[in-house]
Amino acid sequence: MFLNLYFLVMATSQFIPELRIGYLYTYWGPLGFVIMVTLIREAVDDVRRWQRDKEVNQQKYKKLTPQGAQRTITSANIRVGDLIFVEKDQRVPADVVFLRTTEASGTCFIRTDQLDGETDWKLRLAVPVTQKLETNEELFSMDATVYAEKPQKDIYNFIGTFNKVRYNIVLTVSA
């Protein structure tokens, strides 16, 4: 950025006859070269980012259907309200609320290194009411809703509520 500005000021100064030293192309050439290299580097980064996004969007996940079956879908096809199985060591494909875990206590550990670069494990708890259910199919027969605040840049705070007849549980996540 600074070099681009430096070359631009130097090249622009050559339009003033009193400041002109040498030929214009000796100033505009390096500026054009620096800008071209920057554009190419940014284009390469964009293509790599697009390829990574495409790869991530094609990852397979298991979705629970109301009939109790599991259907394989890609992460690009996950929609709000889908019940997704997240296996051990599998990337969490979206913002999720853990309804159940295989641990009786409802605990699970996640890594957020793809979001914030921190590689330590963070403890998360499943919603207590849904953790106590006997089967996954019971999730579909519940008269419940999950309200979550709209997406924000602050990844360390989350406020939501789990509403079920006779229950109103506040869901929070903090770093």
N, C-alpha and C. Protein backbone atom coordinates (compact mmCIF):
# COMPACT_ATOMS: atom_id res chain seq x y z
N MET A 1 0.84 -1.19 0.00
CA MET A 1 0.00 0.00 0.00
C MET A 1 0.88 1.25 0.00
N PHE A 2 1.84 1.31 0.93
CA PHE A 2 2.70 2.48 1.01
C PHE A 2 3.52 2.64 -0.27
N LEU A 3 4.04 1.50 -0.79
CA LEU A 3 4.84 1.59 -2.02
C LEU A 3 4.00 2.08 -3.19
N ASN A 4 2.76 1.62 -3.28
CA ASN A 4 1.89 2.08 -4.35
C ASN A 4 1.68 3.58 -4.27
N LEU A 5 1.44 4.08 -3.07
CA LEU A 5 1.23 5.51 -2.87
C LEU A 5 2.51 6.29 -3.21
N TYR A 6 3.64 5.77 -2.80
CA TYR A 6 4.92 6.41 -3.10
C TYR A 6 5.12 6.52 -4.62
N PHE A 7 4.92 5.40 -5.33
CA PHE A 7 5.09 5.42 -6.79
C PHE A 7 4.08 6.35 -7.45
N LEU A 8 2.86 6.41 -6.93
CA LEU A 8 1.84 7.28 -7.51
C LEU A 8 2.22 8.75 -7.33
N VAL A 9 2.69 9.12 -6.14
CA VAL A 9 3.09 10.51 -5.90
C VAL A 9 4.28 10.88 -6.79
N MET A 10 5.25 9.98 -6.88
CA MET A 10 6.42 10.25 -7.72
C MET A 10 6.03 10.39 -9.19
N ALA A 11 5.18 9.49 -9.67
CA ALA A 11 4.77 9.54 -11.08
C ALA A 11 3.94 10.78 -11.36
N THR A 12 3.05 11.14 -10.44
CA THR A 12 2.21 12.32 -10.64
C THR A 12 3.05 13.59 -10.61
N SER A 13 4.08 13.62 -9.79
CA SER A 13 4.94 14.81 -9.72
C SER A 13 5.63 15.09 -11.05
N GLN A 14 5.75 14.10 -11.90
CA GLN A 14 6.45 14.28 -13.17
C GLN A 14 5.61 15.04 -14.20
N PHE A 15 4.33 15.29 -13.88
CA PHE A 15 3.51 16.12 -14.76
C PHE A 15 3.79 17.62 -14.54
N ILE A 16 4.44 17.95 -13.45
CA ILE A 16 4.80 19.34 -13.17
C ILE A 16 6.19 19.57 -13.76
N PRO A 17 6.28 20.48 -14.75
CA PRO A 17 7.56 20.67 -15.46
C PRO A 17 8.73 20.99 -14.54
N GLU A 18 8.51 21.76 -13.48
CA GLU A 18 9.61 22.12 -12.59
C GLU A 18 10.15 20.92 -11.80
N LEU A 19 9.32 19.89 -11.61
CA LEU A 19 9.73 18.72 -10.84
C LEU A 19 10.16 17.55 -11.71
N ARG A 20 9.96 17.67 -13.01
CA ARG A 20 10.23 16.56 -13.92
C ARG A 20 11.72 16.23 -13.96
N ILE A 21 11.99 14.93 -13.78
CA ILE A 21 13.35 14.42 -13.89
C ILE A 21 13.26 13.20 -14.79
N GLY A 22 13.80 13.26 -15.95
CA GLY A 22 13.78 12.11 -16.84
C GLY A 22 12.47 11.97 -17.60
N TYR A 23 12.20 10.77 -18.08
CA TYR A 23 11.03 10.50 -18.89
C TYR A 23 9.87 9.98 -18.03
N LEU A 24 8.63 10.25 -18.49
CA LEU A 24 7.45 9.82 -17.74
C LEU A 24 7.40 8.30 -17.57
N TYR A 25 7.77 7.56 -18.62
CA TYR A 25 7.64 6.10 -18.53
C TYR A 25 8.55 5.49 -17.46
N THR A 26 9.61 6.21 -17.08
CA THR A 26 10.47 5.67 -16.02
C THR A 26 9.79 5.73 -14.65
N TYR A 27 8.72 6.52 -14.54
CA TYR A 27 7.96 6.59 -13.29
C TYR A 27 6.67 5.79 -13.38
N TRP A 28 5.99 5.90 -14.52
CA TRP A 28 4.72 5.20 -14.68
C TRP A 28 4.94 3.70 -14.91
N GLY A 29 6.06 3.32 -15.45
CA GLY A 29 6.35 1.89 -15.67
C GLY A 29 6.41 1.11 -14.36
N PRO A 30 7.25 1.55 -13.39
CA PRO A 30 7.29 0.83 -12.11
C PRO A 30 5.94 0.84 -11.38
N LEU A 31 5.22 1.97 -11.44
CA LEU A 31 3.91 2.03 -10.80
C LEU A 31 2.97 1.02 -11.43
N GLY A 32 2.94 0.97 -12.75
CA GLY A 32 2.10 0.00 -13.45
C GLY A 32 2.48 -1.43 -13.10
N PHE A 33 3.80 -1.69 -13.00
CA PHE A 33 4.27 -3.03 -12.65
C PHE A 33 3.82 -3.43 -11.25
N VAL A 34 3.98 -2.52 -10.29
CA VAL A 34 3.59 -2.81 -8.91
C VAL A 34 2.08 -3.06 -8.82
N ILE A 35 1.30 -2.24 -9.51
CA ILE A 35 -0.15 -2.42 -9.49
C ILE A 35 -0.53 -3.74 -10.16
N MET A 36 0.11 -4.09 -11.26
CA MET A 36 -0.18 -5.35 -11.95
C MET A 36 0.15 -6.55 -11.07
N VAL A 37 1.30 -6.52 -10.40
CA VAL A 37 1.67 -7.62 -9.51
C VAL A 37 0.65 -7.75 -8.37
N THR A 38 0.22 -6.62 -7.82
CA THR A 38 -0.77 -6.63 -6.75
C THR A 38 -2.08 -7.22 -7.24
N LEU A 39 -2.53 -6.82 -8.43
CA LEU A 39 -3.78 -7.36 -8.99
C LEU A 39 -3.69 -8.86 -9.21
N ILE A 40 -2.57 -9.32 -9.73
CA ILE A 40 -2.41 -10.76 -9.98
C ILE A 40 -2.40 -11.53 -8.67
N ARG A 41 -1.69 -11.00 -7.68
CA ARG A 41 -1.64 -11.67 -6.37
C ARG A 41 -3.04 -11.75 -5.75
N GLU A 42 -3.81 -10.68 -5.83
CA GLU A 42 -5.17 -10.68 -5.29
C GLU A 42 -6.06 -11.66 -6.05
N ALA A 43 -5.89 -11.74 -7.37
CA ALA A 43 -6.68 -12.67 -8.17
C ALA A 43 -6.36 -14.12 -7.79
N VAL A 44 -5.09 -14.42 -7.61
CA VAL A 44 -4.69 -15.78 -7.20
C VAL A 44 -5.28 -16.11 -5.83
N ASP A 45 -5.23 -15.17 -4.90
CA ASP A 45 -5.82 -15.39 -3.57
C ASP A 45 -7.32 -15.63 -3.67
N ASP A 46 -8.01 -14.87 -4.52
CA ASP A 46 -9.45 -15.05 -4.71
C ASP A 46 -9.78 -16.43 -5.28
N VAL A 47 -9.00 -16.88 -6.24
CA VAL A 47 -9.23 -18.20 -6.84
C VAL A 47 -9.01 -19.29 -5.79
N ARG A 48 -7.95 -19.18 -5.01
CA ARG A 48 -7.69 -20.17 -3.95
C ARG A 48 -8.81 -20.18 -2.92
N ARG A 49 -9.29 -19.01 -2.53
CA ARG A 49 -10.38 -18.91 -1.57
C ARG A 49 -11.64 -19.55 -2.14
N TRP A 50 -11.92 -19.30 -3.42
CA TRP A 50 -13.08 -19.89 -4.09
C TRP A 50 -12.97 -21.41 -4.11
N GLN A 51 -11.78 -21.94 -4.38
CA GLN A 51 -11.57 -23.39 -4.39
C GLN A 51 -11.78 -23.99 -3.00
N ARG A 52 -11.27 -23.32 -1.96
CA ARG A 52 -11.47 -23.81 -0.59
C ARG A 52 -12.95 -23.79 -0.21
N ASP A 53 -13.65 -22.71 -0.59
CA ASP A 53 -15.07 -22.63 -0.30
C ASP A 53 -15.84 -23.74 -1.00
N LYS A 54 -15.49 -23.99 -2.24
CA LYS A 54 -16.15 -25.05 -3.00
C LYS A 54 -15.92 -26.41 -2.34
N GLU A 55 -14.70 -26.64 -1.90
CA GLU A 55 -14.36 -27.90 -1.22
C GLU A 55 -15.14 -28.06 0.08
N VAL A 56 -15.21 -26.99 0.87
CA VAL A 56 -15.94 -27.04 2.13
C VAL A 56 -17.43 -27.25 1.88
N ASN A 57 -17.98 -26.60 0.87
CA ASN A 57 -19.40 -26.73 0.57
C ASN A 57 -19.78 -28.11 0.05
N GLN A 58 -18.82 -28.90 -0.38
CA GLN A 58 -19.10 -30.25 -0.88
C GLN A 58 -18.91 -31.32 0.20
N GLN A 59 -18.51 -30.94 1.40
CA GLN A 59 -18.35 -31.94 2.46
C GLN A 59 -19.70 -32.56 2.80
N LYS A 60 -19.67 -33.83 3.12
CA LYS A 60 -20.90 -34.60 3.38
C LYS A 60 -21.22 -34.61 4.87
N TYR A 61 -22.51 -34.50 5.15
CA TYR A 61 -23.02 -34.57 6.52
C TYR A 61 -24.27 -35.43 6.53
N LYS A 62 -24.62 -35.92 7.71
CA LYS A 62 -25.83 -36.72 7.87
C LYS A 62 -26.92 -35.83 8.45
N LYS A 63 -28.07 -35.87 7.80
CA LYS A 63 -29.23 -35.10 8.24
C LYS A 63 -30.29 -36.07 8.75
N LEU A 64 -30.85 -35.77 9.90
CA LEU A 64 -31.91 -36.60 10.47
C LEU A 64 -33.24 -36.20 9.84
N THR A 65 -33.99 -37.18 9.35
CA THR A 65 -35.31 -36.91 8.77
C THR A 65 -36.39 -37.20 9.81
N PRO A 66 -37.59 -36.65 9.64
CA PRO A 66 -38.67 -36.89 10.61
C PRO A 66 -39.02 -38.37 10.78
N GLN A 67 -38.71 -39.19 9.78
CA GLN A 67 -38.99 -40.62 9.87
C GLN A 67 -37.92 -41.36 10.67
N GLY A 68 -36.90 -40.67 11.10
CA GLY A 68 -35.84 -41.29 11.87
C GLY A 68 -34.67 -41.77 11.04
N ALA A 69 -34.75 -41.62 9.74
CA ALA A 69 -33.67 -42.06 8.86
C ALA A 69 -32.60 -40.97 8.78
N GLN A 70 -31.44 -41.38 8.33
CA GLN A 70 -30.35 -40.43 8.11
C GLN A 70 -30.12 -40.31 6.62
N ARG A 71 -30.03 -39.09 6.15
CA ARG A 71 -29.80 -38.83 4.73
C ARG A 71 -28.51 -38.03 4.60
N THR A 72 -27.69 -38.39 3.63
CA THR A 72 -26.44 -37.67 3.40
C THR A 72 -26.69 -36.45 2.52
N ILE A 73 -26.21 -35.30 2.98
CA ILE A 73 -26.32 -34.07 2.20
C ILE A 73 -24.98 -33.35 2.25
N THR A 74 -24.80 -32.43 1.32
CA THR A 74 -23.59 -31.61 1.34
C THR A 74 -23.84 -30.39 2.23
N SER A 75 -22.78 -29.81 2.72
CA SER A 75 -22.94 -28.65 3.60
C SER A 75 -23.59 -27.47 2.88
N ALA A 76 -23.46 -27.41 1.56
CA ALA A 76 -24.10 -26.33 0.80
C ALA A 76 -25.62 -26.45 0.85
N ASN A 77 -26.15 -27.64 1.12
CA ASN A 77 -27.60 -27.86 1.14
C ASN A 77 -28.19 -27.83 2.54
N ILE A 78 -27.41 -27.50 3.54
CA ILE A 78 -27.93 -27.40 4.90
C ILE A 78 -28.74 -26.12 5.01
N ARG A 79 -29.92 -26.24 5.60
CA ARG A 79 -30.82 -25.10 5.77
C ARG A 79 -31.14 -24.89 7.25
N VAL A 80 -31.63 -23.71 7.56
CA VAL A 80 -32.04 -23.40 8.92
C VAL A 80 -33.11 -24.41 9.35
N GLY A 81 -32.93 -24.98 10.52
CA GLY A 81 -33.89 -25.94 11.04
C GLY A 81 -33.52 -27.39 10.80
N ASP A 82 -32.52 -27.65 9.97
CA ASP A 82 -32.09 -29.03 9.73
C ASP A 82 -31.43 -29.58 10.99
N LEU A 83 -31.67 -30.85 11.24
CA LEU A 83 -31.01 -31.54 12.35
C LEU A 83 -29.86 -32.33 11.76
N ILE A 84 -28.65 -31.93 12.10
CA ILE A 84 -27.43 -32.47 11.50
C ILE A 84 -26.64 -33.25 12.55
N PHE A 85 -26.15 -34.41 12.14
CA PHE A 85 -25.23 -35.17 12.98
C PHE A 85 -23.82 -34.65 12.75
N VAL A 86 -23.15 -34.31 13.81
CA VAL A 86 -21.75 -33.90 13.70
C VAL A 86 -20.93 -35.00 14.38
N GLU A 87 -20.12 -35.67 13.60
CA GLU A 87 -19.31 -36.79 14.09
C GLU A 87 -18.05 -36.27 14.78
N LYS A 88 -17.39 -37.15 15.49
CA LYS A 88 -16.13 -36.80 16.14
C LYS A 88 -15.12 -36.38 15.09
N ASP A 89 -14.38 -35.32 15.37
CA ASP A 89 -13.35 -34.77 14.48
C ASP A 89 -13.91 -34.24 13.16
N GLN A 90 -15.19 -33.99 13.08
CA GLN A 90 -15.80 -33.45 11.87
C GLN A 90 -16.01 -31.95 12.07
N ARG A 91 -15.81 -31.21 11.01
CA ARG A 91 -15.99 -29.76 11.05
C ARG A 91 -17.49 -29.45 11.22
N VAL A 92 -17.80 -28.50 12.08
CA VAL A 92 -19.18 -28.07 12.24
C VAL A 92 -19.51 -27.19 11.04
N PRO A 93 -20.53 -27.56 10.25
CA PRO A 93 -20.75 -26.91 8.97
C PRO A 93 -21.41 -25.53 9.03
N ALA A 94 -21.97 -25.16 10.17
CA ALA A 94 -22.69 -23.89 10.24
C ALA A 94 -22.82 -23.49 11.71
N ASP A 95 -23.48 -22.38 11.95
CA ASP A 95 -23.81 -22.02 13.33
C ASP A 95 -24.84 -23.03 13.81
N VAL A 96 -24.56 -23.68 14.92
CA VAL A 96 -25.45 -24.74 15.40
C VAL A 96 -25.73 -24.58 16.88
N VAL A 97 -26.85 -25.16 17.28
CA VAL A 97 -27.19 -25.33 18.69
C VAL A 97 -27.15 -26.83 18.92
N PHE A 98 -26.33 -27.27 19.85
CA PHE A 98 -26.24 -28.70 20.13
C PHE A 98 -27.48 -29.14 20.91
N LEU A 99 -28.27 -30.00 20.29
CA LEU A 99 -29.47 -30.50 20.95
C LEU A 99 -29.20 -31.77 21.73
N ARG A 100 -28.34 -32.62 21.18
CA ARG A 100 -28.01 -33.89 21.84
C ARG A 100 -26.57 -34.25 21.54
N THR A 101 -25.97 -34.97 22.47
CA THR A 101 -24.64 -35.53 22.23
C THR A 101 -24.66 -36.99 22.65
N THR A 102 -23.64 -37.73 22.27
CA THR A 102 -23.56 -39.13 22.68
C THR A 102 -23.11 -39.26 24.13
N GLU A 103 -22.61 -38.20 24.70
CA GLU A 103 -22.22 -38.20 26.11
C GLU A 103 -23.48 -38.03 26.97
N ALA A 104 -23.61 -38.83 28.00
CA ALA A 104 -24.79 -38.75 28.88
C ALA A 104 -24.91 -37.37 29.52
N SER A 105 -23.78 -36.72 29.76
CA SER A 105 -23.80 -35.40 30.40
C SER A 105 -24.17 -34.28 29.43
N GLY A 106 -24.20 -34.59 28.13
CA GLY A 106 -24.53 -33.57 27.13
C GLY A 106 -23.38 -32.66 26.77
N THR A 107 -22.17 -33.08 27.09
CA THR A 107 -21.01 -32.24 26.81
C THR A 107 -20.37 -32.61 25.48
N CYS A 108 -19.73 -31.64 24.91
CA CYS A 108 -18.88 -31.89 23.74
C CYS A 108 -17.81 -30.80 23.71
N PHE A 109 -16.73 -31.11 23.07
CA PHE A 109 -15.63 -30.16 22.96
C PHE A 109 -15.45 -29.79 21.49
N ILE A 110 -15.28 -28.51 21.24
CA ILE A 110 -15.09 -28.04 19.87
C ILE A 110 -13.83 -27.19 19.79
N ARG A 111 -13.32 -27.10 18.58
CA ARG A 111 -12.20 -26.20 18.31
C ARG A 111 -12.69 -25.11 17.37
N THR A 112 -12.26 -23.90 17.63
CA THR A 112 -12.70 -22.76 16.82
C THR A 112 -11.55 -22.19 16.00
N ASP A 113 -10.56 -23.02 15.70
CA ASP A 113 -9.38 -22.51 15.01
C ASP A 113 -9.69 -21.95 13.63
N GLN A 114 -10.74 -22.41 12.98
CA GLN A 114 -11.11 -21.87 11.68
C GLN A 114 -11.76 -20.49 11.78
N LEU A 115 -12.24 -20.15 12.97
CA LEU A 115 -12.88 -18.86 13.18
C LEU A 115 -11.93 -17.82 13.76
N ASP A 116 -11.22 -18.22 14.82
CA ASP A 116 -10.41 -17.23 15.53
C ASP A 116 -8.95 -17.62 15.69
N GLY A 117 -8.56 -18.77 15.16
CA GLY A 117 -7.17 -19.18 15.23
C GLY A 117 -6.79 -19.87 16.53
N GLU A 118 -7.69 -19.92 17.51
CA GLU A 118 -7.39 -20.58 18.78
C GLU A 118 -7.53 -22.09 18.61
N THR A 119 -6.51 -22.83 19.02
CA THR A 119 -6.51 -24.28 18.82
C THR A 119 -6.88 -25.06 20.07
N ASP A 120 -7.22 -24.37 21.15
CA ASP A 120 -7.60 -25.09 22.35
C ASP A 120 -9.06 -25.56 22.24
N TRP A 121 -9.39 -26.59 23.00
CA TRP A 121 -10.73 -27.17 22.98
C TRP A 121 -11.65 -26.38 23.90
N LYS A 122 -12.87 -26.13 23.43
CA LYS A 122 -13.84 -25.39 24.22
C LYS A 122 -15.02 -26.30 24.54
N LEU A 123 -15.47 -26.26 25.78
CA LEU A 123 -16.58 -27.08 26.24
C LEU A 123 -17.91 -26.44 25.82
N ARG A 124 -18.78 -27.24 25.25
CA ARG A 124 -20.13 -26.80 24.93
C ARG A 124 -21.10 -27.83 25.48
N LEU A 125 -22.28 -27.38 25.87
CA LEU A 125 -23.30 -28.26 26.44
C LEU A 125 -24.52 -28.30 25.55
N ALA A 126 -25.11 -29.48 25.44
CA ALA A 126 -26.36 -29.62 24.69
C ALA A 126 -27.49 -29.03 25.53
N VAL A 127 -28.60 -28.70 24.87
CA VAL A 127 -29.78 -28.19 25.58
C VAL A 127 -30.26 -29.30 26.52
N PRO A 128 -30.38 -29.04 27.81
CA PRO A 128 -30.71 -30.10 28.77
C PRO A 128 -32.01 -30.86 28.46
N VAL A 129 -33.04 -30.15 28.02
CA VAL A 129 -34.33 -30.79 27.74
C VAL A 129 -34.21 -31.79 26.60
N THR A 130 -33.49 -31.45 25.56
CA THR A 130 -33.36 -32.35 24.41
C THR A 130 -32.33 -33.44 24.67
N GLN A 131 -31.37 -33.18 25.52
CA GLN A 131 -30.36 -34.19 25.85
C GLN A 131 -31.02 -35.37 26.56
N LYS A 132 -32.09 -35.11 27.31
CA LYS A 132 -32.75 -36.16 28.09
C LYS A 132 -33.67 -37.05 27.25
N LEU A 133 -33.92 -36.70 26.00
CA LEU A 133 -34.81 -37.51 25.16
C LEU A 133 -34.21 -38.89 24.93
N GLU A 134 -35.08 -39.88 24.76
CA GLU A 134 -34.62 -41.26 24.57
C GLU A 134 -34.07 -41.49 23.17
N THR A 135 -34.73 -40.91 22.15
CA THR A 135 -34.31 -41.15 20.76
C THR A 135 -34.23 -39.83 20.01
N ASN A 136 -33.51 -39.84 18.92
CA ASN A 136 -33.40 -38.65 18.08
C ASN A 136 -34.73 -38.29 17.43
N GLU A 137 -35.56 -39.30 17.14
CA GLU A 137 -36.85 -39.06 16.49
C GLU A 137 -37.76 -38.19 17.34
N GLU A 138 -37.58 -38.25 18.66
CA GLU A 138 -38.41 -37.44 19.56
C GLU A 138 -38.18 -35.95 19.36
N LEU A 139 -37.07 -35.58 18.76
CA LEU A 139 -36.81 -34.16 18.49
C LEU A 139 -37.87 -33.58 17.56
N PHE A 140 -38.37 -34.40 16.63
CA PHE A 140 -39.37 -33.91 15.67
C PHE A 140 -40.76 -33.81 16.28
N SER A 141 -41.03 -34.57 17.32
CA SER A 141 -42.37 -34.53 17.93
C SER A 141 -42.47 -33.48 19.03
N MET A 142 -41.38 -32.81 19.32
CA MET A 142 -41.40 -31.77 20.35
C MET A 142 -42.09 -30.52 19.82
N ASP A 143 -42.84 -29.88 20.68
CA ASP A 143 -43.41 -28.58 20.34
C ASP A 143 -42.45 -27.53 20.90
N ALA A 144 -41.41 -27.25 20.11
CA ALA A 144 -40.36 -26.36 20.61
C ALA A 144 -39.83 -25.50 19.47
N THR A 145 -39.25 -24.39 19.85
CA THR A 145 -38.59 -23.52 18.88
C THR A 145 -37.26 -23.05 19.47
N VAL A 146 -36.35 -22.75 18.59
CA VAL A 146 -35.07 -22.16 19.00
C VAL A 146 -35.00 -20.79 18.36
N TYR A 147 -34.81 -19.78 19.18
CA TYR A 147 -34.62 -18.43 18.68
C TYR A 147 -33.16 -18.07 18.88
N ALA A 148 -32.54 -17.60 17.83
CA ALA A 148 -31.15 -17.17 17.92
C ALA A 148 -31.03 -15.76 17.35
N GLU A 149 -30.17 -14.99 17.96
CA GLU A 149 -29.96 -13.64 17.45
C GLU A 149 -29.38 -13.70 16.05
N LYS A 150 -29.54 -12.63 15.31
CA LYS A 150 -29.02 -12.61 13.95
C LYS A 150 -27.49 -12.69 13.97
N PRO A 151 -26.91 -13.18 12.88
CA PRO A 151 -25.44 -13.33 12.84
C PRO A 151 -24.72 -12.01 13.13
N GLN A 152 -23.62 -12.13 13.85
CA GLN A 152 -22.82 -10.97 14.22
C GLN A 152 -21.35 -11.27 14.01
N LYS A 153 -20.57 -10.23 14.02
CA LYS A 153 -19.12 -10.41 13.90
C LYS A 153 -18.50 -10.87 15.21
N ASP A 154 -19.16 -10.59 16.32
CA ASP A 154 -18.65 -11.00 17.63
C ASP A 154 -18.91 -12.49 17.82
N ILE A 155 -17.87 -13.30 17.59
CA ILE A 155 -18.05 -14.75 17.66
C ILE A 155 -17.96 -15.29 19.09
N TYR A 156 -17.65 -14.44 20.04
CA TYR A 156 -17.48 -14.90 21.41
C TYR A 156 -18.75 -14.80 22.24
N ASN A 157 -19.77 -14.19 21.72
CA ASN A 157 -21.02 -14.07 22.47
C ASN A 157 -22.19 -14.50 21.60
N PHE A 158 -23.08 -15.26 22.19
CA PHE A 158 -24.28 -15.73 21.51
C PHE A 158 -25.41 -15.72 22.52
N ILE A 159 -26.55 -15.22 22.10
CA ILE A 159 -27.72 -15.24 22.96
C ILE A 159 -28.88 -15.81 22.16
N GLY A 160 -29.53 -16.79 22.74
CA GLY A 160 -30.68 -17.40 22.11
C GLY A 160 -31.58 -18.00 23.17
N THR A 161 -32.75 -18.45 22.76
CA THR A 161 -33.66 -19.10 23.70
C THR A 161 -34.20 -20.37 23.07
N PHE A 162 -34.41 -21.36 23.90
CA PHE A 162 -35.05 -22.61 23.52
C PHE A 162 -36.41 -22.59 24.20
N ASN A 163 -37.47 -22.57 23.40
CA ASN A 163 -38.81 -22.49 23.95
C ASN A 163 -39.54 -23.81 23.73
N LYS A 164 -39.99 -24.40 24.81
CA LYS A 164 -40.79 -25.62 24.76
C LYS A 164 -41.92 -25.42 25.75
N VAL A 165 -43.03 -26.05 25.49
CA VAL A 165 -44.14 -25.92 26.42
C VAL A 165 -43.63 -26.25 27.82
N ARG A 166 -43.85 -25.36 28.76
CA ARG A 166 -43.43 -25.46 30.16
C ARG A 166 -41.95 -25.21 30.37
N TYR A 167 -41.20 -24.93 29.31
CA TYR A 167 -39.77 -24.66 29.47
C TYR A 167 -39.42 -23.40 28.68
N ASN A 168 -38.55 -22.62 29.21
CA ASN A 168 -37.99 -21.48 28.49
C ASN A 168 -36.53 -21.37 28.94
N ILE A 169 -35.64 -21.92 28.14
CA ILE A 169 -34.24 -22.01 28.51
C ILE A 169 -33.45 -20.97 27.72
N VAL A 170 -32.66 -20.19 28.42
CA VAL A 170 -31.81 -19.21 27.75
C VAL A 170 -30.52 -19.92 27.33
N LEU A 171 -30.19 -19.80 26.05
CA LEU A 171 -28.98 -20.40 25.51
C LEU A 171 -27.93 -19.32 25.38
N THR A 172 -26.78 -19.52 25.96
CA THR A 172 -25.70 -18.55 25.81
C THR A 172 -24.39 -19.27 25.54
N VAL A 173 -23.55 -18.59 24.84
CA VAL A 173 -22.19 -19.08 24.62
C VAL A 173 -21.28 -17.90 24.83
N SER A 174 -20.27 -18.08 25.62
CA SER A 174 -19.28 -17.03 25.79
C SER A 174 -17.91 -17.67 25.83
N ALA A 175 -16.92 -16.90 25.44
CA ALA A 175 -15.55 -17.43 25.31
C ALA A 175 -14.96 -17.85 26.61
